[in-house]
């Protein structure tokens, strides 16, 4: 079995979906054998495609606030693995970005996740990630998130932190009031156990 660094090199060189990607392939992924928290998103947006840095956008700002961590901590691969369902920007459709390309998960997901053996918490964002990682949690994002205690403390479904979901956040105040404080405490607890861990903020 190839090492994790070798596998990541192969992923970053992948061109399987090239003919379907309007801006061409640019796989975006962050992972390390020591990663403690796994973030499963959908696929990079246009801005992330340009910078090559996962969640380097408004969604990322909201996500870091949800988790209670700074950019420096978030981009520490020994703490956070960021493994979207699709590694490349899939293009834009009539109502937002297109779904992640299915070839990506079929080719890379199982071997990559198998090498992340220290993960203590998996954060699953949005419908495509929930359908893959937590299919038993229901058929809608709202149902999956409302049942978050069923998979806690090893996994949690969250809505995607996209600004497009502002109406969802307003309709479900319990998310901010009941779930996020518990999530922040869990993240802080995991990160505090790292030897020589830096301050979260």
C-alpha atoms as a PDB file:
ATOM      1  CA  UNK A   1       0.000   0.000   0.000  1.00  0.00           C
ATOM      2  CA  UNK A   2       1.398   3.386  -1.007  1.00  0.00           C
ATOM      3  CA  UNK A   3       2.272   5.854   1.728  1.00  0.00           C
ATOM      4  CA  UNK A   4      -0.017   8.798   2.421  1.00  0.00           C
ATOM      5  CA  UNK A   5       2.457  11.331   0.930  1.00  0.00           C
ATOM      6  CA  UNK A   6       2.681   9.228  -2.246  1.00  0.00           C
ATOM      7  CA  UNK A   7      -1.098   8.956  -2.448  1.00  0.00           C
ATOM      8  CA  UNK A   8      -1.497  12.713  -2.011  1.00  0.00           C
ATOM      9  CA  UNK A   9       0.996  13.300  -4.836  1.00  0.00           C
ATOM     10  CA  UNK A  10      -1.085  11.044  -7.072  1.00  0.00           C
ATOM     11  CA  UNK A  11      -4.292  12.861  -6.111  1.00  0.00           C
ATOM     12  CA  UNK A  12      -2.775  16.277  -6.809  1.00  0.00           C
ATOM     13  CA  UNK A  13      -1.642  15.060 -10.222  1.00  0.00           C
ATOM     14  CA  UNK A  14      -5.038  13.527 -11.095  1.00  0.00           C
ATOM     15  CA  UNK A  15      -6.650  14.416 -14.430  1.00  0.00           C
ATOM     16  CA  UNK A  16      -9.428  11.791 -14.538  1.00  0.00           C
ATOM     17  CA  UNK A  17     -12.186  14.413 -14.864  1.00  0.00           C
ATOM     18  CA  UNK A  18     -10.257  16.914 -16.974  1.00  0.00           C
ATOM     19  CA  UNK A  19     -12.693  16.879 -19.900  1.00  0.00           C
ATOM     20  CA  UNK A  20     -15.579  17.751 -17.554  1.00  0.00           C
ATOM     21  CA  UNK A  21     -13.918  20.606 -15.661  1.00  0.00           C
ATOM     22  CA  UNK A  22     -14.417  24.085 -17.145  1.00  0.00           C
ATOM     23  CA  UNK A  23     -11.277  25.479 -15.467  1.00  0.00           C
ATOM     24  CA  UNK A  24      -9.261  22.278 -15.735  1.00  0.00           C
ATOM     25  CA  UNK A  25      -8.076  20.029 -12.910  1.00  0.00           C
ATOM     26  CA  UNK A  26      -6.606  21.474  -9.741  1.00  0.00           C
ATOM     27  CA  UNK A  27      -7.192  18.983  -6.916  1.00  0.00           C
ATOM     28  CA  UNK A  28      -7.410  20.664  -3.501  1.00  0.00           C
ATOM     29  CA  UNK A  29      -6.841  18.462  -0.451  1.00  0.00           C
ATOM     30  CA  UNK A  30      -5.188  18.702   2.945  1.00  0.00           C
ATOM     31  CA  UNK A  31      -4.225  15.651   5.005  1.00  0.00           C
ATOM     32  CA  UNK A  32      -1.512  14.174   7.213  1.00  0.00           C
ATOM     33  CA  UNK A  33      -1.142  10.854   8.980  1.00  0.00           C
ATOM     34  CA  UNK A  34      -1.468  12.754  12.272  1.00  0.00           C
ATOM     35  CA  UNK A  35      -4.688  14.610  11.349  1.00  0.00           C
ATOM     36  CA  UNK A  36      -7.110  14.563  14.280  1.00  0.00           C
ATOM     37  CA  UNK A  37     -10.226  16.123  12.746  1.00  0.00           C
ATOM     38  CA  UNK A  38     -11.550  15.295   9.285  1.00  0.00           C
ATOM     39  CA  UNK A  39     -13.614  17.878   7.410  1.00  0.00           C
ATOM     40  CA  UNK A  40     -15.636  16.478   4.523  1.00  0.00           C
ATOM     41  CA  UNK A  41     -16.904  19.153   2.154  1.00  0.00           C
ATOM     42  CA  UNK A  42     -18.440  19.023  -1.307  1.00  0.00           C
ATOM     43  CA  UNK A  43     -16.004  20.440  -3.886  1.00  0.00           C
ATOM     44  CA  UNK A  44     -13.856  23.560  -4.163  1.00  0.00           C
ATOM     45  CA  UNK A  45     -15.519  26.731  -5.396  1.00  0.00           C
ATOM     46  CA  UNK A  46     -14.050  29.036  -8.003  1.00  0.00           C
ATOM     47  CA  UNK A  47     -12.065  31.109  -5.488  1.00  0.00           C
ATOM     48  CA  UNK A  48     -10.568  28.013  -3.873  1.00  0.00           C
ATOM     49  CA  UNK A  49      -9.655  26.733  -7.339  1.00  0.00           C
ATOM     50  CA  UNK A  50      -7.732  29.958  -7.911  1.00  0.00           C
ATOM     51  CA  UNK A  51      -5.823  29.911  -4.607  1.00  0.00           C
ATOM     52  CA  UNK A  52      -5.488  26.151  -4.108  1.00  0.00           C
ATOM     53  CA  UNK A  53      -6.288  26.610  -0.408  1.00  0.00           C
ATOM     54  CA  UNK A  54      -9.347  24.736   0.923  1.00  0.00           C
ATOM     55  CA  UNK A  55     -12.150  26.892   2.346  1.00  0.00           C
ATOM     56  CA  UNK A  56     -10.279  30.082   1.485  1.00  0.00           C
ATOM     57  CA  UNK A  57     -13.569  31.936   1.050  1.00  0.00           C
ATOM     58  CA  UNK A  58     -16.654  33.181   2.894  1.00  0.00           C
ATOM     59  CA  UNK A  59     -17.729  29.587   3.628  1.00  0.00           C
ATOM     60  CA  UNK A  60     -14.376  28.958   5.260  1.00  0.00           C
ATOM     61  CA  UNK A  61     -14.678  32.053   7.431  1.00  0.00           C
ATOM     62  CA  UNK A  62     -18.024  30.835   8.746  1.00  0.00           C
ATOM     63  CA  UNK A  63     -16.734  27.283   9.217  1.00  0.00           C
ATOM     64  CA  UNK A  64     -13.731  28.450  11.239  1.00  0.00           C
ATOM     65  CA  UNK A  65     -16.093  30.487  13.413  1.00  0.00           C
ATOM     66  CA  UNK A  66     -18.275  27.405  13.936  1.00  0.00           C
ATOM     67  CA  UNK A  67     -15.217  25.438  15.026  1.00  0.00           C
ATOM     68  CA  UNK A  68     -13.698  28.217  17.119  1.00  0.00           C
ATOM     69  CA  UNK A  69     -10.285  28.048  15.438  1.00  0.00           C
ATOM     70  CA  UNK A  70      -7.957  30.483  13.716  1.00  0.00           C
ATOM     71  CA  UNK A  71      -6.719  30.193  10.124  1.00  0.00           C
ATOM     72  CA  UNK A  72      -3.316  29.017  11.342  1.00  0.00           C
ATOM     73  CA  UNK A  73      -4.841  26.136  13.288  1.00  0.00           C
ATOM     74  CA  UNK A  74      -7.306  25.291  10.519  1.00  0.00           C
ATOM     75  CA  UNK A  75      -4.548  24.988   7.923  1.00  0.00           C
ATOM     76  CA  UNK A  76      -2.340  22.831  10.161  1.00  0.00           C
ATOM     77  CA  UNK A  77      -2.592  19.481   8.366  1.00  0.00           C
ATOM     78  CA  UNK A  78      -1.495  17.634  11.495  1.00  0.00           C
ATOM     79  CA  UNK A  79      -4.723  18.815  13.113  1.00  0.00           C
ATOM     80  CA  UNK A  80      -7.218  19.110  10.269  1.00  0.00           C
ATOM     81  CA  UNK A  81      -7.601  16.893   7.218  1.00  0.00           C
ATOM     82  CA  UNK A  82      -9.795  18.559   4.593  1.00  0.00           C
ATOM     83  CA  UNK A  83     -11.043  15.980   2.106  1.00  0.00           C
ATOM     84  CA  UNK A  84     -13.960  17.121  -0.088  1.00  0.00           C
ATOM     85  CA  UNK A  85     -16.154  14.718  -2.029  1.00  0.00           C
ATOM     86  CA  UNK A  86     -14.654  16.133  -5.208  1.00  0.00           C
ATOM     87  CA  UNK A  87     -11.159  17.606  -5.253  1.00  0.00           C
ATOM     88  CA  UNK A  88     -11.655  19.937  -8.235  1.00  0.00           C
ATOM     89  CA  UNK A  89     -13.993  22.825  -9.008  1.00  0.00           C
ATOM     90  CA  UNK A  90     -16.833  21.192 -10.986  1.00  0.00           C
ATOM     91  CA  UNK A  91     -18.171  24.331 -12.629  1.00  0.00           C
ATOM     92  CA  UNK A  92     -21.255  26.461 -12.050  1.00  0.00           C
ATOM     93  CA  UNK A  93     -24.871  25.555 -12.796  1.00  0.00           C
ATOM     94  CA  UNK A  94     -28.111  27.580 -12.772  1.00  0.00           C
ATOM     95  CA  UNK A  95     -28.414  27.488  -8.956  1.00  0.00           C
ATOM     96  CA  UNK A  96     -24.801  27.416  -7.793  1.00  0.00           C
ATOM     97  CA  UNK A  97     -21.798  25.160  -8.200  1.00  0.00           C
ATOM     98  CA  UNK A  98     -22.369  21.800  -9.849  1.00  0.00           C
ATOM     99  CA  UNK A  99     -22.199  18.582  -7.784  1.00  0.00           C
ATOM    100  CA  UNK A 100     -18.789  17.002  -7.124  1.00  0.00           C
ATOM    101  CA  UNK A 101     -17.647  14.765  -9.962  1.00  0.00           C
ATOM    102  CA  UNK A 102     -18.476  11.137  -8.974  1.00  0.00           C
ATOM    103  CA  UNK A 103     -15.226   9.758 -10.415  1.00  0.00           C
ATOM    104  CA  UNK A 104     -13.281  11.476  -7.654  1.00  0.00           C
ATOM    105  CA  UNK A 105     -14.770   9.648  -4.678  1.00  0.00           C
ATOM    106  CA  UNK A 106     -14.855   6.351  -6.570  1.00  0.00           C
ATOM    107  CA  UNK A 107     -11.138   6.580  -7.311  1.00  0.00           C
ATOM    108  CA  UNK A 108      -9.556   8.198  -4.271  1.00  0.00           C
ATOM    109  CA  UNK A 109     -11.831   8.297  -1.247  1.00  0.00           C
ATOM    110  CA  UNK A 110     -11.440   4.816   0.253  1.00  0.00           C
ATOM    111  CA  UNK A 111      -7.639   4.633  -0.013  1.00  0.00           C
ATOM    112  CA  UNK A 112      -7.212   8.129   1.393  1.00  0.00           C
ATOM    113  CA  UNK A 113      -9.564   7.685   4.349  1.00  0.00           C
ATOM    114  CA  UNK A 114      -7.921   4.347   5.168  1.00  0.00           C
ATOM    115  CA  UNK A 115      -4.671   6.193   5.828  1.00  0.00           C
ATOM    116  CA  UNK A 116      -6.175   8.722   8.261  1.00  0.00           C
ATOM    117  CA  UNK A 117      -5.996   6.521  11.324  1.00  0.00           C
ATOM    118  CA  UNK A 118      -5.834   9.191  14.037  1.00  0.00           C
ATOM    119  CA  UNK A 119      -9.063  11.002  13.197  1.00  0.00           C
ATOM    120  CA  UNK A 120     -11.281  11.430  16.263  1.00  0.00           C
ATOM    121  CA  UNK A 121     -14.027  13.598  14.766  1.00  0.00           C
ATOM    122  CA  UNK A 122     -15.444  13.689  11.230  1.00  0.00           C
ATOM    123  CA  UNK A 123     -17.335  16.854  10.290  1.00  0.00           C
ATOM    124  CA  UNK A 124     -19.653  16.201   7.346  1.00  0.00           C
ATOM    125  CA  UNK A 125     -20.808  19.290   5.421  1.00  0.00           C
ATOM    126  CA  UNK A 126     -23.763  19.382   3.056  1.00  0.00           C
ATOM    127  CA  UNK A 127     -25.915  16.913   1.148  1.00  0.00           C
ATOM    128  CA  UNK A 128     -23.307  15.126  -0.975  1.00  0.00           C
ATOM    129  CA  UNK A 129     -20.974  14.501   1.944  1.00  0.00           C
ATOM    130  CA  UNK A 130     -23.850  13.406   4.175  1.00  0.00           C
ATOM    131  CA  UNK A 131     -25.151  10.984   1.530  1.00  0.00           C
ATOM    132  CA  UNK A 132     -21.725   9.302   1.372  1.00  0.00           C
ATOM    133  CA  UNK A 133     -20.640   9.332   5.022  1.00  0.00           C
ATOM    134  CA  UNK A 134     -23.919   9.345   6.983  1.00  0.00           C
ATOM    135  CA  UNK A 135     -26.596   7.883   4.698  1.00  0.00           C
ATOM    136  CA  UNK A 136     -28.521   6.496   7.647  1.00  0.00           C
ATOM    137  CA  UNK A 137     -29.102  10.008   9.012  1.00  0.00           C
ATOM    138  CA  UNK A 138     -31.983  10.762   6.672  1.00  0.00           C
ATOM    139  CA  UNK A 139     -32.815  12.075   3.235  1.00  0.00           C
ATOM    140  CA  UNK A 140     -32.386  15.800   3.890  1.00  0.00           C
ATOM    141  CA  UNK A 141     -29.664  17.991   5.350  1.00  0.00           C
ATOM    142  CA  UNK A 142     -32.080  19.304   7.982  1.00  0.00           C
ATOM    143  CA  UNK A 143     -32.977  15.798   9.157  1.00  0.00           C
ATOM    144  CA  UNK A 144     -29.331  14.711   9.269  1.00  0.00           C
ATOM    145  CA  UNK A 145     -28.238  17.769  11.230  1.00  0.00           C
ATOM    146  CA  UNK A 146     -31.178  17.542  13.642  1.00  0.00           C
ATOM    147  CA  UNK A 147     -30.114  13.962  14.456  1.00  0.00           C
ATOM    148  CA  UNK A 148     -26.512  14.980  15.177  1.00  0.00           C
ATOM    149  CA  UNK A 149     -26.474  13.391  18.645  1.00  0.00           C
ATOM    150  CA  UNK A 150     -26.872   9.918  17.099  1.00  0.00           C
ATOM    151  CA  UNK A 151     -23.331   9.977  15.692  1.00  0.00           C
ATOM    152  CA  UNK A 152     -21.742  12.175  18.343  1.00  0.00           C
ATOM    153  CA  UNK A 153     -18.917  12.442  19.417  1.00  0.00           C
ATOM    154  CA  UNK A 154     -17.128  10.755  16.489  1.00  0.00           C
ATOM    155  CA  UNK A 155     -19.055  12.346  13.606  1.00  0.00           C
ATOM    156  CA  UNK A 156     -21.451  15.215  13.033  1.00  0.00           C
ATOM    157  CA  UNK A 157     -23.509  16.386  10.058  1.00  0.00           C
ATOM    158  CA  UNK A 158     -23.618  20.125   9.454  1.00  0.00           C
ATOM    159  CA  UNK A 159     -25.204  22.284   6.774  1.00  0.00           C
ATOM    160  CA  UNK A 160     -22.729  23.669   4.294  1.00  0.00           C
ATOM    161  CA  UNK A 161     -21.419  27.008   5.654  1.00  0.00           C
ATOM    162  CA  UNK A 162     -22.069  28.729   2.321  1.00  0.00           C
ATOM    163  CA  UNK A 163     -23.643  32.224   2.358  1.00  0.00           C
ATOM    164  CA  UNK A 164     -26.362  30.661   0.184  1.00  0.00           C
ATOM    165  CA  UNK A 165     -27.617  28.915   3.331  1.00  0.00           C
ATOM    166  CA  UNK A 166     -28.289  32.052   5.382  1.00  0.00           C
ATOM    167  CA  UNK A 167     -32.033  31.412   5.249  1.00  0.00           C
ATOM    168  CA  UNK A 168     -31.476  27.906   6.696  1.00  0.00           C
ATOM    169  CA  UNK A 169     -29.462  29.310   9.597  1.00  0.00           C
ATOM    170  CA  UNK A 170     -32.211  31.820  10.376  1.00  0.00           C
ATOM    171  CA  UNK A 171     -34.946  29.155  10.257  1.00  0.00           C
ATOM    172  CA  UNK A 172     -33.071  26.841  12.622  1.00  0.00           C
ATOM    173  CA  UNK A 173     -31.753  28.869  15.583  1.00  0.00           C
ATOM    174  CA  UNK A 174     -31.228  25.656  17.576  1.00  0.00           C
ATOM    175  CA  UNK A 175     -28.225  24.942  15.346  1.00  0.00           C
ATOM    176  CA  UNK A 176     -26.350  27.956  16.686  1.00  0.00           C
ATOM    177  CA  UNK A 177     -27.715  27.665  20.221  1.00  0.00           C
ATOM    178  CA  UNK A 178     -27.466  23.928  20.914  1.00  0.00           C
ATOM    179  CA  UNK A 179     -25.078  22.300  18.461  1.00  0.00           C
ATOM    180  CA  UNK A 180     -22.276  24.811  17.848  1.00  0.00           C
ATOM    181  CA  UNK A 181     -21.216  25.286  21.506  1.00  0.00           C
ATOM    182  CA  UNK A 182     -20.867  21.514  21.872  1.00  0.00           C
ATOM    183  CA  UNK A 183     -18.953  21.290  18.602  1.00  0.00           C
ATOM    184  CA  UNK A 184     -16.519  24.040  19.622  1.00  0.00           C
ATOM    185  CA  UNK A 185     -15.893  22.323  22.948  1.00  0.00           C
ATOM    186  CA  UNK A 186     -15.229  18.993  21.244  1.00  0.00           C
ATOM    187  CA  UNK A 187     -12.808  20.549  18.757  1.00  0.00           C
ATOM    188  CA  UNK A 188     -10.977  22.383  21.541  1.00  0.00           C
ATOM    189  CA  UNK A 189     -10.709  19.179  23.568  1.00  0.00           C
ATOM    190  CA  UNK A 190      -9.244  17.193  20.660  1.00  0.00           C
ATOM    191  CA  UNK A 191      -6.748  19.882  19.755  1.00  0.00           C
ATOM    192  CA  UNK A 192      -5.700  20.416  23.370  1.00  0.00           C
ATOM    193  CA  UNK A 193      -4.467  16.821  23.592  1.00  0.00           C
ATOM    194  CA  UNK A 194      -1.866  17.332  20.866  1.00  0.00           C
ATOM    195  CA  UNK A 195       1.646  17.346  22.255  1.00  0.00           C
ATOM    196  CA  UNK A 196       2.990  20.855  22.076  1.00  0.00           C
ATOM    197  CA  UNK A 197      -0.274  22.149  20.675  1.00  0.00           C
ATOM    198  CA  UNK A 198      -0.370  25.838  19.945  1.00  0.00           C
ATOM    199  CA  UNK A 199      -3.096  28.038  21.295  1.00  0.00           C
ATOM    200  CA  UNK A 200      -6.328  27.684  19.356  1.00  0.00           C
ATOM    201  CA  UNK A 201      -6.783  31.434  19.154  1.00  0.00           C
END
